[in-house]
Protein backbone atom coordinates (compact mmCIF):
# COMPACT_ATOMS: atom_id res chain seq x y z
CA UNK A 1 85.20 -189.55 -32.26
CA UNK A 2 81.93 -188.26 -30.79
CA UNK A 3 81.51 -185.74 -27.99
CA UNK A 4 78.20 -185.68 -26.12
CA UNK A 5 77.11 -182.11 -25.40
CA UNK A 6 73.64 -180.92 -24.46
CA UNK A 7 72.21 -184.27 -25.50
CA UNK A 8 73.77 -183.98 -28.97
CA UNK A 9 76.53 -186.24 -30.32
CA UNK A 10 79.01 -183.92 -32.06
CA UNK A 11 81.76 -185.19 -34.35
CA UNK A 12 85.14 -183.97 -33.17
CA UNK A 13 86.49 -183.16 -36.63
CA UNK A 14 88.03 -180.20 -38.39
CA UNK A 15 86.98 -179.04 -41.86
CA UNK A 16 89.38 -181.35 -43.71
CA UNK A 17 88.18 -184.29 -41.63
CA UNK A 18 84.55 -183.46 -42.40
CA UNK A 19 85.27 -183.27 -46.16
CA UNK A 20 87.03 -186.64 -46.00
CA UNK A 21 84.02 -188.16 -44.23
CA UNK A 22 81.67 -186.88 -46.94
CA UNK A 23 83.93 -188.30 -49.65
CA UNK A 24 83.70 -191.69 -47.94
CA UNK A 25 79.91 -191.38 -47.83
CA UNK A 26 79.74 -190.57 -51.54
CA UNK A 27 81.73 -193.71 -52.28
CA UNK A 28 79.27 -195.83 -50.33
CA UNK A 29 75.84 -197.22 -51.12
CA UNK A 30 73.78 -195.71 -48.28
CA UNK A 31 72.22 -192.29 -47.82
CA UNK A 32 74.00 -190.34 -45.10
CA UNK A 33 73.06 -186.99 -43.60
CA UNK A 34 75.05 -184.13 -42.12
CA UNK A 35 74.19 -180.96 -40.27
CA UNK A 36 75.87 -178.12 -38.45
CA UNK A 37 74.42 -177.55 -34.99
CA UNK A 38 74.56 -174.05 -33.52
CA UNK A 39 73.20 -172.40 -30.39
CA UNK A 40 69.77 -171.92 -31.92
CA UNK A 41 69.56 -175.60 -32.85
CA UNK A 42 70.55 -176.71 -29.35
CA UNK A 43 67.84 -174.54 -27.81
CA UNK A 44 65.26 -175.96 -30.24
CA UNK A 45 66.43 -179.52 -29.58
CA UNK A 46 65.95 -179.00 -25.85
CA UNK A 47 62.32 -178.01 -26.41
CA UNK A 48 61.40 -180.24 -29.37
CA UNK A 49 61.99 -183.98 -29.04
CA UNK A 50 61.06 -184.62 -32.67
CA UNK A 51 63.69 -182.17 -33.87
CA UNK A 52 66.26 -183.65 -31.48
CA UNK A 53 65.54 -187.10 -32.90
CA UNK A 54 66.01 -185.78 -36.46
CA UNK A 55 69.43 -184.35 -35.57
CA UNK A 56 70.35 -187.54 -33.73
CA UNK A 57 69.70 -189.46 -36.96
CA UNK A 58 72.42 -187.48 -38.76
CA UNK A 59 75.70 -189.24 -39.48
CA UNK A 60 77.89 -186.12 -39.37
CA UNK A 61 77.18 -183.40 -36.80
CA UNK A 62 79.56 -180.46 -36.56
CA UNK A 63 79.73 -177.44 -34.26
CA UNK A 64 78.27 -174.62 -36.34
CA UNK A 65 79.12 -171.80 -33.98
CA UNK A 66 82.05 -170.56 -31.91
CA UNK A 67 79.98 -170.47 -28.69
CA UNK A 68 79.36 -174.21 -29.06
CA UNK A 69 83.13 -174.81 -29.26
CA UNK A 70 83.72 -172.56 -26.25
CA UNK A 71 81.08 -174.46 -24.27
CA UNK A 72 82.66 -177.80 -25.21
CA UNK A 73 85.96 -176.64 -23.73
CA UNK A 74 84.31 -175.31 -20.58
CA UNK A 75 82.63 -178.69 -20.13
CA UNK A 76 85.95 -180.52 -20.71
CA UNK A 77 84.59 -182.30 -23.79
CA UNK A 78 86.42 -180.22 -26.37
CA UNK A 79 85.59 -179.97 -30.04
CA UNK A 80 88.64 -179.00 -32.12
CA UNK A 81 87.19 -176.14 -34.17
CA UNK A 82 83.99 -174.63 -35.51
CA UNK A 83 82.93 -176.36 -38.72
CA UNK A 84 80.06 -174.27 -40.06
CA UNK A 85 77.69 -175.84 -42.56
CA UNK A 86 78.43 -173.07 -45.05
CA UNK A 87 82.18 -173.74 -44.77
CA UNK A 88 81.65 -177.45 -45.41
CA UNK A 89 79.31 -176.60 -48.29
CA UNK A 90 81.95 -174.35 -49.89
CA UNK A 91 84.76 -176.82 -49.26
CA UNK A 92 82.82 -179.62 -50.97
CA UNK A 93 82.29 -177.74 -54.24
CA UNK A 94 85.83 -178.09 -55.65
CA UNK A 95 85.84 -181.73 -54.55
CA UNK A 96 82.54 -182.24 -56.38
CA UNK A 97 84.13 -180.81 -59.55
CA UNK A 98 87.13 -183.11 -59.24
CA UNK A 99 85.05 -186.21 -58.47
CA UNK A 100 82.18 -185.41 -60.84
CA UNK A 101 79.52 -185.59 -58.14
CA UNK A 102 76.11 -184.43 -59.45
CA UNK A 103 74.49 -181.90 -57.09
CA UNK A 104 70.93 -180.83 -56.35
CA UNK A 105 70.09 -177.55 -54.60
CA UNK A 106 66.90 -177.43 -52.53
CA UNK A 107 65.78 -174.34 -50.67
CA UNK A 108 65.41 -170.55 -50.56
CA UNK A 109 63.23 -168.63 -53.03
CA UNK A 110 63.14 -169.68 -56.67
CA UNK A 111 65.10 -166.64 -57.86
CA UNK A 112 67.67 -167.01 -55.08
CA UNK A 113 68.45 -170.68 -55.68
CA UNK A 114 68.63 -170.04 -59.44
CA UNK A 115 71.12 -167.22 -58.95
CA UNK A 116 73.07 -169.33 -56.47
CA UNK A 117 73.40 -172.10 -59.06
CA UNK A 118 74.74 -169.63 -61.66
CA UNK A 119 77.24 -168.17 -59.20
CA UNK A 120 78.41 -171.62 -58.10
CA UNK A 121 78.98 -172.73 -61.70
CA UNK A 122 80.86 -169.52 -62.45
CA UNK A 123 83.08 -169.97 -59.40
CA UNK A 124 83.64 -173.69 -60.04
CA UNK A 125 83.76 -174.48 -63.77
CA UNK A 126 82.68 -178.04 -64.41
CA UNK A 127 80.40 -178.19 -61.37
CA UNK A 128 77.48 -180.52 -62.17
CA UNK A 129 74.33 -178.97 -60.73
CA UNK A 130 71.68 -181.33 -62.06
CA UNK A 131 68.68 -179.70 -60.42
CA UNK A 132 67.45 -176.87 -58.23
CA UNK A 133 64.15 -175.83 -56.74
CA UNK A 134 62.84 -173.51 -54.04
CA UNK A 135 62.14 -174.61 -50.50
CA UNK A 136 58.51 -173.49 -50.34
CA UNK A 137 56.48 -176.67 -50.38
CA UNK A 138 54.04 -178.38 -48.07
CA UNK A 139 54.38 -181.76 -46.42
CA UNK A 140 51.82 -183.08 -48.90
CA UNK A 141 54.10 -181.99 -51.76
CA UNK A 142 57.19 -183.68 -50.34
CA UNK A 143 56.85 -186.91 -52.40
CA UNK A 144 56.87 -184.86 -55.62
CA UNK A 145 59.94 -182.94 -54.45
CA UNK A 146 61.70 -186.20 -53.56
CA UNK A 147 60.80 -187.64 -56.98
CA UNK A 148 62.28 -184.58 -58.69
CA UNK A 149 65.52 -185.03 -56.77
CA UNK A 150 65.66 -188.76 -57.48
CA UNK A 151 64.96 -188.16 -61.17
CA UNK A 152 67.88 -185.73 -61.44
CA UNK A 153 70.43 -188.44 -60.61
CA UNK A 154 71.98 -186.26 -57.89
CA UNK A 155 74.32 -187.89 -55.39
CA UNK A 156 74.93 -184.81 -53.25
CA UNK A 157 71.94 -182.82 -51.95
CA UNK A 158 72.32 -179.40 -50.35
CA UNK A 159 69.23 -178.28 -48.42
CA UNK A 160 68.78 -174.60 -47.60
CA UNK A 161 65.57 -174.82 -45.57
CA UNK A 162 65.06 -173.77 -41.97
CA UNK A 163 65.15 -176.27 -39.14
CA UNK A 164 63.37 -178.45 -38.27
CA UNK A 165 61.64 -178.61 -41.68
CA UNK A 166 64.75 -179.75 -43.54
CA UNK A 167 65.60 -182.52 -41.08
CA UNK A 168 62.01 -183.74 -41.04
CA UNK A 169 61.86 -183.70 -44.86
CA UNK A 170 64.89 -185.99 -45.08
CA UNK A 171 63.58 -188.24 -42.31
CA UNK A 172 60.27 -188.73 -44.12
CA UNK A 173 61.65 -188.96 -47.68
CA UNK A 174 65.06 -190.60 -47.29
CA UNK A 175 63.93 -193.82 -49.04
CA UNK A 176 62.63 -191.82 -52.03
CA UNK A 177 65.74 -189.77 -52.85
CA UNK A 178 67.20 -192.12 -55.44
CA UNK A 179 70.97 -192.05 -55.83
CA UNK A 180 71.57 -189.34 -53.21
CA UNK A 181 74.35 -190.47 -50.90
CA UNK A 182 74.82 -187.39 -48.75
CA UNK A 183 72.45 -184.64 -47.64
CA UNK A 184 73.78 -181.50 -45.99
CA UNK A 185 71.69 -178.79 -44.40
CA UNK A 186 73.31 -175.51 -45.45
CA UNK A 187 71.12 -172.88 -43.79
CA UNK A 188 71.28 -169.56 -45.61
CA UNK A 189 74.19 -170.54 -47.87
CA UNK A 190 72.18 -170.05 -51.07
CA UNK A 191 71.39 -166.45 -50.12
CA UNK A 192 75.10 -165.84 -49.60
CA UNK A 193 76.11 -167.64 -52.82
CA UNK A 194 73.53 -165.59 -54.74
CA UNK A 195 74.88 -162.34 -53.29
CA UNK A 196 71.69 -161.51 -51.36
CA UNK A 197 73.36 -161.66 -47.95
CA UNK A 198 76.97 -161.05 -46.93
CA UNK A 199 78.91 -163.24 -44.52
CA UNK A 200 80.42 -161.71 -41.44
CA UNK A 201 84.17 -161.04 -41.55
CA UNK A 202 86.21 -164.01 -40.37
CA UNK A 203 87.43 -162.18 -37.28
CA UNK A 204 83.83 -161.75 -36.14
CA UNK A 205 83.15 -165.47 -36.60
CA UNK A 206 86.29 -166.34 -34.61
CA UNK A 207 85.22 -163.95 -31.84
CA UNK A 208 81.73 -165.44 -31.66
CA UNK A 209 80.17 -162.21 -32.97
CA UNK A 210 78.82 -163.43 -36.30
CA UNK A 211 75.29 -163.28 -34.90
CA UNK A 212 75.57 -159.49 -34.47
CA UNK A 213 76.46 -159.10 -38.14
CA UNK A 214 73.52 -161.25 -39.22
CA UNK A 215 71.16 -159.44 -36.86
CA UNK A 216 72.18 -156.09 -38.34
CA UNK A 217 71.35 -157.37 -41.86
CA UNK A 218 68.02 -159.01 -41.01
CA UNK A 219 66.76 -157.50 -37.73
CA UNK A 220 63.06 -158.20 -38.26
CA UNK A 221 63.60 -161.87 -39.00
CA UNK A 222 66.34 -162.64 -36.48
CA UNK A 223 65.85 -160.39 -33.44
CA UNK A 224 63.77 -162.89 -31.50
CA UNK A 225 66.11 -165.80 -32.24
CA UNK A 226 69.24 -164.03 -31.03
CA UNK A 227 67.90 -161.73 -28.31
CA UNK A 228 65.23 -163.96 -26.75
CA UNK A 229 65.43 -167.64 -27.71
CA UNK A 230 69.21 -168.08 -27.76
CA UNK A 231 69.63 -166.54 -24.29
CA UNK A 232 68.33 -169.91 -23.09
CA UNK A 233 71.65 -171.41 -24.16
CA UNK A 234 73.19 -169.96 -20.99
CA UNK A 235 70.75 -172.08 -19.00
CA UNK A 236 71.73 -175.15 -21.00
CA UNK A 237 75.41 -174.58 -20.23
CA UNK A 238 74.66 -174.09 -16.53
CA UNK A 239 72.59 -177.26 -16.46
CA UNK A 240 75.32 -179.22 -18.20
CA UNK A 241 77.96 -177.89 -15.81
CA UNK A 242 75.83 -178.90 -12.83
CA UNK A 243 75.32 -182.39 -14.25
CA UNK A 244 79.09 -182.72 -14.87
CA UNK A 245 79.92 -181.61 -11.32
CA UNK A 246 77.44 -184.10 -9.87
CA UNK A 247 78.89 -186.88 -12.01
CA UNK A 248 82.43 -186.03 -10.89
CA UNK A 249 81.31 -186.01 -7.24
CA UNK A 250 79.65 -189.41 -7.53
CA UNK A 251 82.78 -190.92 -9.06
CA UNK A 252 85.00 -189.56 -6.30
CA UNK A 253 82.88 -191.02 -3.47
């Protein structure tokens, strides 16, 4: 079931439901795409139609942030739980071992993605990582990157590149990705897997405070996102509430 929030069609699934959906995609013969949408993404989508279209093209869209879940309940279009991209990424790894899915890692710096691959194999013996490369490439280099992925035989592609670059890469290159059947944007998951960055404690994520933990670790990179750009989310919620109230009034007259 889909829930329309802020112009984005979210899938009302929990983590197990999301994993089951991906397993169905891997058994199919079409390329499908998934992403976790958080407050920052919603703000960007409101300002950037091209990015909004790229997210809209995704087959699986989960709420990657507790504030998004809170807002869905306030707007009476509830999403069951937060399903962060990194949680789906981690939940898919043991399934990939069991099913033998070949995986390609795309994103982060070269040393980071290499260390992430080692750590993932150590944590999940038998995991088939058939390729990995950094996420620093130009649009002109995209066909070569897509050819590398296709040549690896990967069926599951994890992309750790910032938005909207990762969504636009898949949009432009989806017909050149070979046997890939599911693409998931995983944000900074490779940095965490490689031990470069620590995740916030679970209680902070449940309380909607994960952003403070991330800001403390990377203040120079993230201060503007969290303290300036994402404040606009309050305006989006207010606008959505007003639209809902007007819709309710029109139905009652």
